[in-house]
Amino acid sequence: MKTFKSLTVFVWFYLLSGSVMAEPLNHKQLVEQAFNQCSQGTGSPFDLLAADAQWTIMGPTESAKTYNLPDFQEMVVKPFNQRLATPLKPRVHDTYQAGNEVIILFEAEATLINGERYQNSYAWFFTMLQGQVTNVRAVLDLNAYDAVMALDVNDD
């Protein structure tokens, strides 16, 4: 009976301290680190995206849809960045984790090519697997985003 109790304690200790529990904690830390690096201009949360990641912008405008990673980069990230005079700088409020999902609440701002200020609030829901983001649901003020995307870009 003593051996059974010892074995039970060992199994519980392994489950609570081993890789079963460490992976989700690591995912939260990876996301926080990526946002810290982005704030310092040395990295990006987009670096965490898996090659087959899906990105869904949620909301009521035509911008709201699901993109595969190449389309997201070409149709969202690249044109948005072309309209910025300064890099988008995030300010994280909170990061939460539930299983393999990491939720990050943040605000971001930048100066636009027309000299105006862009400000928006975001909630990104990252589904993670082995250190990479496989699926994103992004909630933001789409009216502010769409106004940026409506700016004319001089393609000289």
N, C-alpha and C. Protein backbone atom coordinates (compact mmCIF):
# COMPACT_ATOMS: atom_id res chain seq x y z
N MET A 1 0.83 -1.19 0.00
CA MET A 1 0.00 0.00 0.00
C MET A 1 0.87 1.26 0.00
N LYS A 2 1.99 1.22 0.75
CA LYS A 2 2.89 2.36 0.80
C LYS A 2 3.46 2.66 -0.58
N THR A 3 3.81 1.61 -1.35
CA THR A 3 4.33 1.79 -2.70
C THR A 3 3.29 2.44 -3.60
N PHE A 4 2.03 2.04 -3.47
CA PHE A 4 0.95 2.62 -4.27
C PHE A 4 0.78 4.10 -3.97
N LYS A 5 0.83 4.47 -2.69
CA LYS A 5 0.71 5.88 -2.31
C LYS A 5 1.88 6.70 -2.86
N SER A 6 3.07 6.14 -2.77
CA SER A 6 4.26 6.83 -3.29
C SER A 6 4.15 7.01 -4.80
N LEU A 7 3.71 5.99 -5.49
CA LEU A 7 3.54 6.06 -6.93
C LEU A 7 2.47 7.09 -7.30
N THR A 8 1.39 7.12 -6.56
CA THR A 8 0.32 8.09 -6.81
C THR A 8 0.83 9.51 -6.62
N VAL A 9 1.57 9.76 -5.57
CA VAL A 9 2.14 11.08 -5.33
C VAL A 9 3.08 11.45 -6.46
N PHE A 10 3.93 10.51 -6.90
CA PHE A 10 4.86 10.77 -7.99
C PHE A 10 4.11 11.14 -9.28
N VAL A 11 3.07 10.39 -9.61
CA VAL A 11 2.30 10.66 -10.84
C VAL A 11 1.66 12.03 -10.77
N TRP A 12 1.05 12.37 -9.65
CA TRP A 12 0.43 13.69 -9.51
C TRP A 12 1.47 14.80 -9.61
N PHE A 13 2.60 14.62 -8.98
CA PHE A 13 3.67 15.62 -9.06
C PHE A 13 4.12 15.79 -10.50
N TYR A 14 4.31 14.68 -11.23
CA TYR A 14 4.72 14.75 -12.62
C TYR A 14 3.68 15.49 -13.47
N LEU A 15 2.42 15.17 -13.28
CA LEU A 15 1.36 15.82 -14.07
C LEU A 15 1.26 17.31 -13.78
N LEU A 16 1.44 17.68 -12.53
CA LEU A 16 1.30 19.09 -12.16
C LEU A 16 2.53 19.92 -12.50
N SER A 17 3.70 19.29 -12.57
CA SER A 17 4.91 20.08 -12.80
C SER A 17 5.56 19.81 -14.15
N GLY A 18 5.13 18.79 -14.84
CA GLY A 18 5.79 18.41 -16.08
C GLY A 18 5.24 19.12 -17.30
N SER A 19 5.54 18.56 -18.45
CA SER A 19 5.21 19.19 -19.73
C SER A 19 3.71 19.33 -19.94
N VAL A 20 2.90 18.52 -19.28
CA VAL A 20 1.45 18.63 -19.45
C VAL A 20 0.98 20.02 -19.04
N MET A 21 1.51 20.56 -17.97
CA MET A 21 1.09 21.87 -17.47
C MET A 21 1.97 22.99 -18.01
N ALA A 22 3.20 22.70 -18.37
CA ALA A 22 4.13 23.76 -18.75
C ALA A 22 3.81 24.37 -20.11
N GLU A 23 3.28 23.60 -21.05
CA GLU A 23 3.06 24.12 -22.40
C GLU A 23 2.12 25.32 -22.43
N PRO A 24 0.94 25.29 -21.81
CA PRO A 24 0.09 26.47 -21.85
C PRO A 24 0.73 27.70 -21.18
N LEU A 25 1.45 27.51 -20.08
CA LEU A 25 2.11 28.63 -19.43
C LEU A 25 3.15 29.24 -20.36
N ASN A 26 3.86 28.40 -21.09
CA ASN A 26 4.86 28.86 -22.03
C ASN A 26 4.21 29.66 -23.16
N HIS A 27 3.03 29.26 -23.60
CA HIS A 27 2.34 29.99 -24.66
C HIS A 27 2.01 31.41 -24.21
N LYS A 28 1.53 31.56 -23.03
CA LYS A 28 1.22 32.91 -22.52
C LYS A 28 2.50 33.74 -22.47
N GLN A 29 3.57 33.14 -22.00
CA GLN A 29 4.84 33.85 -21.93
C GLN A 29 5.36 34.22 -23.31
N LEU A 30 5.19 33.34 -24.29
CA LEU A 30 5.61 33.64 -25.66
C LEU A 30 4.86 34.84 -26.22
N VAL A 31 3.56 34.89 -25.98
CA VAL A 31 2.75 36.00 -26.47
C VAL A 31 3.16 37.30 -25.78
N GLU A 32 3.32 37.26 -24.47
CA GLU A 32 3.73 38.46 -23.74
C GLU A 32 5.09 38.95 -24.23
N GLN A 33 6.00 38.02 -24.45
CA GLN A 33 7.34 38.38 -24.94
C GLN A 33 7.26 39.01 -26.33
N ALA A 34 6.42 38.46 -27.21
CA ALA A 34 6.29 38.99 -28.56
C ALA A 34 5.72 40.42 -28.52
N PHE A 35 4.78 40.69 -27.65
CA PHE A 35 4.22 42.03 -27.54
C PHE A 35 5.23 43.00 -26.91
N ASN A 36 6.00 42.53 -25.94
CA ASN A 36 7.06 43.37 -25.37
C ASN A 36 8.08 43.75 -26.44
N GLN A 37 8.48 42.79 -27.24
CA GLN A 37 9.43 43.07 -28.31
C GLN A 37 8.84 44.03 -29.34
N CYS A 38 7.56 43.87 -29.64
CA CYS A 38 6.89 44.76 -30.58
C CYS A 38 6.88 46.19 -30.04
N SER A 39 6.60 46.35 -28.77
CA SER A 39 6.60 47.68 -28.14
C SER A 39 7.96 48.35 -28.22
N GLN A 40 9.03 47.52 -28.21
CA GLN A 40 10.39 48.03 -28.28
C GLN A 40 10.91 48.12 -29.71
N GLY A 41 10.08 47.69 -30.68
CA GLY A 41 10.49 47.75 -32.07
C GLY A 41 11.45 46.66 -32.49
N THR A 42 11.50 45.54 -31.72
CA THR A 42 12.47 44.48 -32.01
C THR A 42 11.82 43.17 -32.42
N GLY A 43 10.50 43.14 -32.56
CA GLY A 43 9.81 41.91 -32.92
C GLY A 43 8.35 42.17 -33.19
N SER A 44 7.60 41.10 -33.39
CA SER A 44 6.19 41.22 -33.72
C SER A 44 5.42 39.99 -33.27
N PRO A 45 4.18 40.15 -32.82
CA PRO A 45 3.36 38.98 -32.53
C PRO A 45 3.11 38.13 -33.78
N PHE A 46 3.20 38.75 -34.97
CA PHE A 46 3.01 38.01 -36.21
C PHE A 46 4.09 36.95 -36.40
N ASP A 47 5.23 37.11 -35.72
CA ASP A 47 6.31 36.12 -35.79
C ASP A 47 5.87 34.77 -35.21
N LEU A 48 4.83 34.77 -34.40
CA LEU A 48 4.34 33.54 -33.78
C LEU A 48 3.39 32.75 -34.67
N LEU A 49 2.97 33.33 -35.79
CA LEU A 49 1.97 32.68 -36.64
C LEU A 49 2.54 31.45 -37.36
N ALA A 50 1.80 30.35 -37.27
CA ALA A 50 2.16 29.15 -38.02
C ALA A 50 1.92 29.41 -39.51
N ALA A 51 2.61 28.69 -40.36
CA ALA A 51 2.49 28.88 -41.81
C ALA A 51 1.07 28.66 -42.31
N ASP A 52 0.31 27.83 -41.62
CA ASP A 52 -1.07 27.55 -42.04
C ASP A 52 -2.10 28.24 -41.13
N ALA A 53 -1.68 29.29 -40.45
CA ALA A 53 -2.58 30.01 -39.53
C ALA A 53 -3.76 30.63 -40.27
N GLN A 54 -4.87 30.69 -39.57
CA GLN A 54 -6.07 31.38 -40.05
C GLN A 54 -6.28 32.60 -39.16
N TRP A 55 -6.62 33.74 -39.77
CA TRP A 55 -6.84 34.98 -39.03
C TRP A 55 -8.25 35.48 -39.35
N THR A 56 -9.08 35.59 -38.33
CA THR A 56 -10.45 36.06 -38.51
C THR A 56 -10.60 37.43 -37.86
N ILE A 57 -10.99 38.41 -38.67
CA ILE A 57 -11.36 39.72 -38.15
C ILE A 57 -12.87 39.68 -37.94
N MET A 58 -13.29 39.90 -36.71
CA MET A 58 -14.70 39.80 -36.38
C MET A 58 -15.34 41.18 -36.42
N GLY A 59 -16.58 41.24 -36.87
CA GLY A 59 -17.29 42.50 -36.86
C GLY A 59 -18.26 42.65 -38.00
N PRO A 60 -18.86 43.86 -38.09
CA PRO A 60 -19.97 44.08 -39.03
C PRO A 60 -19.59 44.70 -40.37
N THR A 61 -18.32 44.95 -40.65
CA THR A 61 -17.97 45.61 -41.92
C THR A 61 -17.41 44.60 -42.90
N GLU A 62 -17.17 45.04 -44.12
CA GLU A 62 -16.64 44.15 -45.15
C GLU A 62 -15.23 43.65 -44.82
N SER A 63 -14.53 44.33 -43.96
CA SER A 63 -13.19 43.89 -43.54
C SER A 63 -13.24 42.62 -42.71
N ALA A 64 -14.38 42.35 -42.12
CA ALA A 64 -14.53 41.20 -41.23
C ALA A 64 -14.67 39.93 -42.06
N LYS A 65 -13.66 39.08 -41.97
CA LYS A 65 -13.68 37.80 -42.67
C LYS A 65 -12.51 36.97 -42.17
N THR A 66 -12.43 35.75 -42.65
CA THR A 66 -11.33 34.85 -42.30
C THR A 66 -10.34 34.79 -43.45
N TYR A 67 -9.06 34.93 -43.10
CA TYR A 67 -7.98 34.93 -44.07
C TYR A 67 -7.02 33.79 -43.78
N ASN A 68 -6.43 33.19 -44.83
CA ASN A 68 -5.27 32.34 -44.60
C ASN A 68 -4.08 33.28 -44.44
N LEU A 69 -2.95 32.77 -44.00
CA LEU A 69 -1.83 33.64 -43.67
C LEU A 69 -1.32 34.47 -44.86
N PRO A 70 -1.10 33.88 -46.04
CA PRO A 70 -0.63 34.73 -47.15
C PRO A 70 -1.62 35.83 -47.52
N ASP A 71 -2.90 35.52 -47.54
CA ASP A 71 -3.90 36.55 -47.85
C ASP A 71 -3.96 37.62 -46.76
N PHE A 72 -3.85 37.20 -45.51
CA PHE A 72 -3.86 38.15 -44.41
C PHE A 72 -2.69 39.13 -44.53
N GLN A 73 -1.51 38.60 -44.83
CA GLN A 73 -0.34 39.46 -44.97
C GLN A 73 -0.49 40.41 -46.16
N GLU A 74 -1.00 39.91 -47.26
CA GLU A 74 -1.11 40.71 -48.49
C GLU A 74 -2.29 41.68 -48.47
N MET A 75 -3.41 41.27 -47.88
CA MET A 75 -4.64 42.06 -47.95
C MET A 75 -4.88 42.92 -46.71
N VAL A 76 -4.20 42.60 -45.61
CA VAL A 76 -4.43 43.33 -44.36
C VAL A 76 -3.15 43.99 -43.86
N VAL A 77 -2.14 43.21 -43.54
CA VAL A 77 -0.95 43.74 -42.90
C VAL A 77 -0.20 44.72 -43.81
N LYS A 78 0.10 44.30 -45.01
CA LYS A 78 0.88 45.14 -45.92
C LYS A 78 0.16 46.46 -46.23
N PRO A 79 -1.12 46.45 -46.67
CA PRO A 79 -1.77 47.73 -46.96
C PRO A 79 -1.96 48.61 -45.73
N PHE A 80 -2.21 47.99 -44.59
CA PHE A 80 -2.36 48.78 -43.36
C PHE A 80 -1.04 49.48 -43.04
N ASN A 81 0.07 48.74 -43.07
CA ASN A 81 1.37 49.33 -42.76
C ASN A 81 1.78 50.41 -43.74
N GLN A 82 1.34 50.32 -44.99
CA GLN A 82 1.64 51.36 -45.99
C GLN A 82 1.00 52.70 -45.62
N ARG A 83 0.01 52.67 -44.79
CA ARG A 83 -0.71 53.88 -44.40
C ARG A 83 -0.21 54.47 -43.08
N LEU A 84 0.80 53.84 -42.51
CA LEU A 84 1.38 54.31 -41.25
C LEU A 84 2.67 55.07 -41.50
N ALA A 85 2.81 56.22 -40.85
CA ALA A 85 4.06 56.97 -40.91
C ALA A 85 5.02 56.50 -39.82
N THR A 86 4.45 55.97 -38.74
CA THR A 86 5.25 55.42 -37.64
C THR A 86 4.75 54.00 -37.34
N PRO A 87 5.59 53.16 -36.78
CA PRO A 87 5.14 51.80 -36.46
C PRO A 87 4.00 51.82 -35.44
N LEU A 88 3.12 50.85 -35.56
CA LEU A 88 2.04 50.68 -34.59
C LEU A 88 2.65 50.24 -33.27
N LYS A 89 2.34 50.94 -32.21
CA LYS A 89 2.93 50.66 -30.91
C LYS A 89 1.84 50.16 -29.95
N PRO A 90 1.91 48.89 -29.53
CA PRO A 90 0.90 48.36 -28.62
C PRO A 90 1.20 48.68 -27.16
N ARG A 91 0.12 48.82 -26.39
CA ARG A 91 0.21 48.95 -24.94
C ARG A 91 -0.73 47.90 -24.35
N VAL A 92 -0.15 46.85 -23.80
CA VAL A 92 -0.91 45.70 -23.32
C VAL A 92 -1.54 46.02 -21.97
N HIS A 93 -2.81 45.67 -21.86
CA HIS A 93 -3.53 45.82 -20.58
C HIS A 93 -3.52 44.51 -19.79
N ASP A 94 -3.88 43.42 -20.44
CA ASP A 94 -3.95 42.13 -19.77
C ASP A 94 -3.73 41.00 -20.75
N THR A 95 -3.22 39.90 -20.24
CA THR A 95 -3.08 38.67 -21.00
C THR A 95 -3.70 37.56 -20.17
N TYR A 96 -4.52 36.76 -20.81
CA TYR A 96 -5.20 35.66 -20.13
C TYR A 96 -4.92 34.37 -20.88
N GLN A 97 -5.07 33.27 -20.15
CA GLN A 97 -4.90 31.98 -20.78
C GLN A 97 -5.98 31.04 -20.31
N ALA A 98 -6.53 30.30 -21.25
CA ALA A 98 -7.47 29.22 -20.94
C ALA A 98 -7.09 28.05 -21.84
N GLY A 99 -6.45 27.04 -21.27
CA GLY A 99 -6.00 25.91 -22.08
C GLY A 99 -4.98 26.36 -23.12
N ASN A 100 -5.25 26.06 -24.37
CA ASN A 100 -4.34 26.45 -25.46
C ASN A 100 -4.70 27.79 -26.07
N GLU A 101 -5.62 28.51 -25.46
CA GLU A 101 -6.00 29.82 -25.97
C GLU A 101 -5.41 30.91 -25.09
N VAL A 102 -4.75 31.87 -25.74
CA VAL A 102 -4.19 33.03 -25.06
C VAL A 102 -4.94 34.25 -25.58
N ILE A 103 -5.42 35.05 -24.66
CA ILE A 103 -6.19 36.25 -25.01
C ILE A 103 -5.39 37.46 -24.56
N ILE A 104 -5.20 38.40 -25.47
CA ILE A 104 -4.45 39.59 -25.13
C ILE A 104 -5.29 40.82 -25.44
N LEU A 105 -5.43 41.68 -24.42
CA LEU A 105 -6.17 42.93 -24.55
C LEU A 105 -5.16 44.06 -24.61
N PHE A 106 -5.25 44.87 -25.66
CA PHE A 106 -4.27 45.94 -25.80
C PHE A 106 -4.85 47.09 -26.60
N GLU A 107 -4.18 48.22 -26.47
CA GLU A 107 -4.46 49.38 -27.30
C GLU A 107 -3.21 49.63 -28.12
N ALA A 108 -3.40 50.23 -29.29
CA ALA A 108 -2.24 50.54 -30.13
C ALA A 108 -2.48 51.87 -30.81
N GLU A 109 -1.38 52.54 -31.09
CA GLU A 109 -1.48 53.82 -31.78
C GLU A 109 -0.28 54.01 -32.69
N ALA A 110 -0.49 54.89 -33.68
CA ALA A 110 0.56 55.23 -34.64
C ALA A 110 0.16 56.54 -35.29
N THR A 111 1.12 57.15 -35.97
CA THR A 111 0.83 58.32 -36.80
C THR A 111 0.62 57.83 -38.22
N LEU A 112 -0.44 58.33 -38.85
CA LEU A 112 -0.78 57.93 -40.21
C LEU A 112 -0.02 58.78 -41.23
N ILE A 113 -0.03 58.36 -42.48
CA ILE A 113 0.68 59.09 -43.53
C ILE A 113 0.09 60.48 -43.78
N ASN A 114 -1.15 60.71 -43.34
CA ASN A 114 -1.75 62.05 -43.48
C ASN A 114 -1.51 62.92 -42.25
N GLY A 115 -0.70 62.42 -41.30
CA GLY A 115 -0.36 63.18 -40.10
C GLY A 115 -1.32 62.97 -38.94
N GLU A 116 -2.45 62.34 -39.19
CA GLU A 116 -3.42 62.09 -38.10
C GLU A 116 -2.97 60.92 -37.25
N ARG A 117 -3.59 60.82 -36.09
CA ARG A 117 -3.26 59.77 -35.12
C ARG A 117 -4.25 58.62 -35.28
N TYR A 118 -3.75 57.41 -35.34
CA TYR A 118 -4.59 56.21 -35.32
C TYR A 118 -4.51 55.62 -33.92
N GLN A 119 -5.68 55.34 -33.36
CA GLN A 119 -5.76 54.68 -32.06
C GLN A 119 -6.86 53.63 -32.15
N ASN A 120 -6.60 52.47 -31.55
CA ASN A 120 -7.61 51.42 -31.56
C ASN A 120 -7.40 50.53 -30.35
N SER A 121 -8.47 49.85 -29.96
CA SER A 121 -8.43 48.87 -28.89
C SER A 121 -8.66 47.50 -29.50
N TYR A 122 -7.94 46.51 -28.99
CA TYR A 122 -7.95 45.18 -29.58
C TYR A 122 -8.13 44.11 -28.51
N ALA A 123 -8.74 43.01 -28.91
CA ALA A 123 -8.72 41.75 -28.16
C ALA A 123 -8.40 40.69 -29.20
N TRP A 124 -7.26 40.03 -29.04
CA TRP A 124 -6.86 38.97 -29.94
C TRP A 124 -6.92 37.65 -29.18
N PHE A 125 -7.57 36.68 -29.77
CA PHE A 125 -7.71 35.35 -29.20
C PHE A 125 -6.84 34.41 -30.02
N PHE A 126 -5.72 33.99 -29.44
CA PHE A 126 -4.76 33.12 -30.12
C PHE A 126 -5.00 31.67 -29.69
N THR A 127 -5.23 30.79 -30.65
CA THR A 127 -5.21 29.36 -30.38
C THR A 127 -3.80 28.90 -30.72
N MET A 128 -3.16 28.24 -29.76
CA MET A 128 -1.74 27.93 -29.91
C MET A 128 -1.49 26.43 -29.86
N LEU A 129 -0.47 26.04 -30.60
CA LEU A 129 -0.04 24.66 -30.62
C LEU A 129 1.47 24.64 -30.76
N GLN A 130 2.14 24.06 -29.81
CA GLN A 130 3.60 23.90 -29.83
C GLN A 130 4.33 25.21 -30.12
N GLY A 131 3.93 26.28 -29.44
CA GLY A 131 4.63 27.55 -29.55
C GLY A 131 4.24 28.41 -30.73
N GLN A 132 3.27 27.97 -31.51
CA GLN A 132 2.84 28.76 -32.66
C GLN A 132 1.35 29.04 -32.59
N VAL A 133 0.96 30.17 -33.18
CA VAL A 133 -0.44 30.55 -33.26
C VAL A 133 -1.02 29.90 -34.51
N THR A 134 -2.06 29.10 -34.33
CA THR A 134 -2.69 28.41 -35.46
C THR A 134 -3.99 29.07 -35.90
N ASN A 135 -4.61 29.81 -34.99
CA ASN A 135 -5.88 30.46 -35.31
C ASN A 135 -5.99 31.73 -34.48
N VAL A 136 -6.50 32.79 -35.10
CA VAL A 136 -6.69 34.07 -34.41
C VAL A 136 -8.10 34.56 -34.67
N ARG A 137 -8.72 35.05 -33.63
CA ARG A 137 -9.96 35.82 -33.75
C ARG A 137 -9.63 37.20 -33.20
N ALA A 138 -9.77 38.21 -34.04
CA ALA A 138 -9.39 39.58 -33.67
C ALA A 138 -10.63 40.45 -33.57
N VAL A 139 -10.75 41.12 -32.43
CA VAL A 139 -11.85 42.05 -32.19
C VAL A 139 -11.23 43.44 -32.06
N LEU A 140 -11.75 44.39 -32.83
CA LEU A 140 -11.23 45.76 -32.82
C LEU A 140 -12.32 46.69 -33.32
N ASP A 141 -12.07 48.00 -33.21
CA ASP A 141 -12.98 48.99 -33.76
C ASP A 141 -12.76 49.03 -35.26
N LEU A 142 -13.65 48.36 -36.00
CA LEU A 142 -13.48 48.27 -37.45
C LEU A 142 -13.71 49.60 -38.15
N ASN A 143 -14.48 50.50 -37.55
CA ASN A 143 -14.66 51.82 -38.17
C ASN A 143 -13.33 52.57 -38.23
N ALA A 144 -12.56 52.51 -37.15
CA ALA A 144 -11.24 53.16 -37.13
C ALA A 144 -10.30 52.47 -38.12
N TYR A 145 -10.31 51.15 -38.14
CA TYR A 145 -9.47 50.39 -39.07
C TYR A 145 -9.85 50.70 -40.52
N ASP A 146 -11.14 50.67 -40.83
CA ASP A 146 -11.59 50.92 -42.20
C ASP A 146 -11.26 52.34 -42.65
N ALA A 147 -11.28 53.30 -41.72
CA ALA A 147 -10.91 54.68 -42.07
C ALA A 147 -9.44 54.74 -42.50
N VAL A 148 -8.58 53.98 -41.83
CA VAL A 148 -7.17 53.93 -42.22
C VAL A 148 -7.04 53.30 -43.60
N MET A 149 -7.74 52.21 -43.82
CA MET A 149 -7.63 51.50 -45.10
C MET A 149 -8.20 52.32 -46.26
N ALA A 150 -9.02 53.31 -45.97
CA ALA A 150 -9.59 54.17 -47.01
C ALA A 150 -8.64 55.28 -47.44
N LEU A 151 -7.56 55.49 -46.68
CA LEU A 151 -6.59 56.53 -47.05
C LEU A 151 -5.92 56.18 -48.37
N ASP A 152 -5.75 57.20 -49.22
CA ASP A 152 -5.03 57.00 -50.47
C ASP A 152 -3.55 56.86 -50.19
N VAL A 153 -2.93 55.90 -50.84
CA VAL A 153 -1.49 55.66 -50.70
C VAL A 153 -0.84 56.03 -52.03
N ASN A 154 0.18 56.88 -51.95
CA ASN A 154 0.92 57.28 -53.15
C ASN A 154 1.90 56.17 -53.48
N ASP A 155 1.70 55.48 -54.58
CA ASP A 155 2.55 54.34 -54.98
C ASP A 155 3.68 54.76 -55.90
N ASP A 156 4.44 55.79 -55.52
CA ASP A 156 5.56 56.23 -56.37
C ASP A 156 6.63 55.21 -56.47
